[in-house]
Amino acid sequence: MAWEEWEQLKSAAVERHTTQMQINQLPADPGGPTGDNNGGGSAGTLKHSHGPWTRAAGAAGDLQISTGKSKTDLSSAHDGVGSGSEGLASLGPLKSVLVSWEKRLGAVRDECNALGPKLRQVAQDMGEVDAKVAAKADSVKVADRGRGE
């Protein structure tokens, strides 16, 4: 294939596929800035919500409670299994499985116990950061261009 032919094919491909790059954002507001720096939901306003962090903390708390209860239920369900069943081949593996599940459930419970407060702290910290950033943004005075001021 000759160089000129290759260049012609590239040019033809470009002409057929004239697409524009679009950045994943809202279109620019042709009217200019709205002056809404207080989180009113205008285009370009970044907002933070405590909801997801708080819900995750609640789920961690619920999981902590349910795994603790499951661990207790599992242990009490095995009470008395050893009495009267000495010599059974399955007694050793059954006890091993019980110990393994008690450790796993205890680890999940402990992790959820540690995770819940951290998630709540993130929600609080993010809210404080949002308030500080909003105060700094509000302190910036921007001239309203194109509106005769």
Protein backbone atom coordinates (compact mmCIF):
# COMPACT_ATOMS: atom_id res chain seq x y z
CA MET A 1 0.00 0.00 0.00
CA ALA A 2 1.44 3.35 -1.02
CA TRP A 3 1.88 6.13 1.52
CA GLU A 4 -0.55 8.42 -0.34
CA GLU A 5 -3.22 5.73 -0.34
CA TRP A 6 -2.80 5.26 3.42
CA GLU A 7 -3.15 9.01 4.00
CA GLN A 8 -6.33 9.07 1.87
CA LEU A 9 -7.84 6.20 3.88
CA LYS A 10 -7.06 8.00 7.16
CA SER A 11 -8.60 11.23 5.87
CA ALA A 12 -11.73 9.40 4.71
CA ALA A 13 -12.06 7.73 8.09
CA VAL A 14 -11.74 11.06 9.88
CA GLU A 15 -14.42 12.61 7.66
CA ARG A 16 -16.82 9.74 8.32
CA HIS A 17 -16.30 9.88 12.07
CA THR A 18 -16.26 13.52 12.98
CA THR A 19 -17.14 13.21 16.62
CA GLN A 20 -16.49 15.71 19.32
CA MET A 21 -15.02 14.85 22.65
CA GLN A 22 -17.44 15.47 25.49
CA ILE A 23 -16.30 15.65 29.06
CA ASN A 24 -18.62 13.93 31.47
CA GLN A 25 -20.18 17.02 33.02
CA LEU A 26 -23.20 19.23 32.82
CA PRO A 27 -23.29 21.60 29.87
CA ALA A 28 -22.03 25.10 30.60
CA ASP A 29 -24.69 27.58 31.67
CA PRO A 30 -24.78 30.24 28.93
CA GLY A 31 -26.19 32.78 31.41
CA GLY A 32 -23.03 32.75 33.50
CA PRO A 33 -22.68 32.09 37.22
CA THR A 34 -25.76 32.11 39.36
CA GLY A 35 -24.07 33.33 42.51
CA ASP A 36 -25.46 30.31 44.35
CA ASN A 37 -22.54 29.09 46.45
CA ASN A 38 -24.63 27.73 49.29
CA GLY A 39 -25.44 24.29 47.87
CA GLY A 40 -28.72 25.27 46.21
CA GLY A 41 -28.33 22.65 43.51
CA SER A 42 -27.42 24.86 40.56
CA ALA A 43 -25.24 23.51 37.78
CA GLY A 44 -21.74 22.91 39.05
CA THR A 45 -22.70 22.80 42.74
CA LEU A 46 -21.03 19.94 44.53
CA LYS A 47 -23.04 18.56 47.44
CA HIS A 48 -22.26 16.00 50.09
CA SER A 49 -24.73 13.81 51.90
CA HIS A 50 -24.26 12.12 55.24
CA GLY A 51 -26.86 9.52 54.26
CA PRO A 52 -24.65 6.80 52.70
CA TRP A 53 -22.10 6.96 55.51
CA THR A 54 -24.76 6.93 58.20
CA ARG A 55 -26.64 4.05 56.55
CA ALA A 56 -23.39 2.07 56.25
CA ALA A 57 -22.70 2.68 59.95
CA GLY A 58 -26.22 1.49 60.77
CA ALA A 59 -25.73 -1.64 58.66
CA ALA A 60 -22.45 -2.34 60.46
CA GLY A 61 -24.25 -1.97 63.79
CA ASP A 62 -27.05 -4.29 62.68
CA LEU A 63 -24.54 -6.84 61.44
CA GLN A 64 -22.61 -6.61 64.69
CA ILE A 65 -25.78 -7.40 66.66
CA SER A 66 -26.91 -10.23 64.38
CA THR A 67 -23.49 -11.93 64.27
CA GLY A 68 -23.21 -11.68 68.05
CA LYS A 69 -26.64 -13.30 68.41
CA SER A 70 -25.77 -15.96 65.83
CA LYS A 71 -22.57 -16.79 67.68
CA THR A 72 -24.49 -17.15 70.95
CA ASP A 73 -27.20 -19.26 69.27
CA LEU A 74 -24.59 -21.49 67.63
CA SER A 75 -22.77 -22.05 70.90
CA SER A 76 -25.93 -22.83 72.85
CA ALA A 77 -27.12 -25.19 70.08
CA HIS A 78 -23.98 -27.24 70.68
CA ASP A 79 -24.40 -27.40 74.47
CA GLY A 80 -24.49 -30.99 75.62
CA VAL A 81 -23.39 -32.43 72.27
CA GLY A 82 -20.33 -34.01 73.85
CA SER A 83 -22.17 -35.71 76.72
CA GLY A 84 -23.23 -39.21 75.85
CA SER A 85 -21.64 -39.17 72.42
CA GLU A 86 -18.04 -39.96 73.34
CA GLY A 87 -16.41 -42.20 70.80
CA LEU A 88 -18.38 -40.93 67.82
CA ALA A 89 -16.10 -40.22 64.87
CA SER A 90 -18.00 -37.03 63.99
CA LEU A 91 -17.63 -35.43 67.42
CA GLY A 92 -14.09 -34.13 66.78
CA PRO A 93 -14.88 -32.53 63.38
CA LEU A 94 -18.15 -31.11 64.77
CA LYS A 95 -16.28 -29.42 67.60
CA SER A 96 -13.67 -28.14 65.12
CA VAL A 97 -16.40 -26.62 62.90
CA LEU A 98 -18.03 -24.99 65.94
CA VAL A 99 -14.76 -23.39 67.03
CA SER A 100 -14.07 -22.21 63.46
CA TRP A 101 -17.51 -20.57 63.11
CA GLU A 102 -17.29 -19.00 66.56
CA LYS A 103 -14.00 -17.38 65.52
CA ARG A 104 -15.41 -16.18 62.20
CA LEU A 105 -18.58 -14.75 63.69
CA GLY A 106 -16.58 -13.14 66.47
CA ALA A 107 -14.24 -11.54 63.93
CA VAL A 108 -17.17 -10.16 61.90
CA ARG A 109 -18.82 -8.84 65.06
CA ASP A 110 -15.60 -7.18 66.22
CA GLU A 111 -14.92 -5.66 62.78
CA CYS A 112 -18.43 -4.22 62.61
CA ASN A 113 -18.03 -2.87 66.13
CA ALA A 114 -14.89 -1.03 65.02
CA LEU A 115 -16.27 0.04 61.62
CA GLY A 116 -19.53 1.67 62.72
CA PRO A 117 -17.98 4.56 64.67
CA LYS A 118 -15.44 5.16 61.89
CA LEU A 119 -18.20 5.47 59.28
CA ARG A 120 -20.11 7.91 61.49
CA GLN A 121 -16.92 9.91 61.96
CA VAL A 122 -16.44 10.13 58.18
CA ALA A 123 -19.96 11.54 57.81
CA GLN A 124 -19.23 14.13 60.50
CA ASP A 125 -15.79 15.01 59.12
CA MET A 126 -17.09 15.37 55.57
CA GLY A 127 -19.85 17.66 56.79
CA GLU A 128 -17.32 19.83 58.59
CA VAL A 129 -15.09 19.98 55.52
CA ASP A 130 -18.12 20.89 53.38
CA ALA A 131 -18.99 23.73 55.74
CA LYS A 132 -15.41 25.07 55.73
CA VAL A 133 -15.17 24.87 51.93
CA ALA A 134 -18.57 26.55 51.56
CA ALA A 135 -17.48 29.38 53.86
CA LYS A 136 -14.29 29.90 51.85
CA ALA A 137 -16.20 29.77 48.55
CA ASP A 138 -18.79 32.22 49.84
CA SER A 139 -16.02 34.65 50.79
CA VAL A 140 -14.84 34.88 47.17
CA LYS A 141 -16.49 37.75 45.35
CA VAL A 142 -16.95 37.08 41.64
CA ALA A 143 -17.90 39.87 39.26
CA ASP A 144 -21.08 39.11 37.35
CA ARG A 145 -19.78 39.36 33.80
CA GLY A 146 -22.14 40.05 30.95
CA ARG A 147 -24.91 41.44 33.09
CA GLY A 148 -23.92 45.09 33.08
CA GLU A 149 -22.29 45.22 36.50
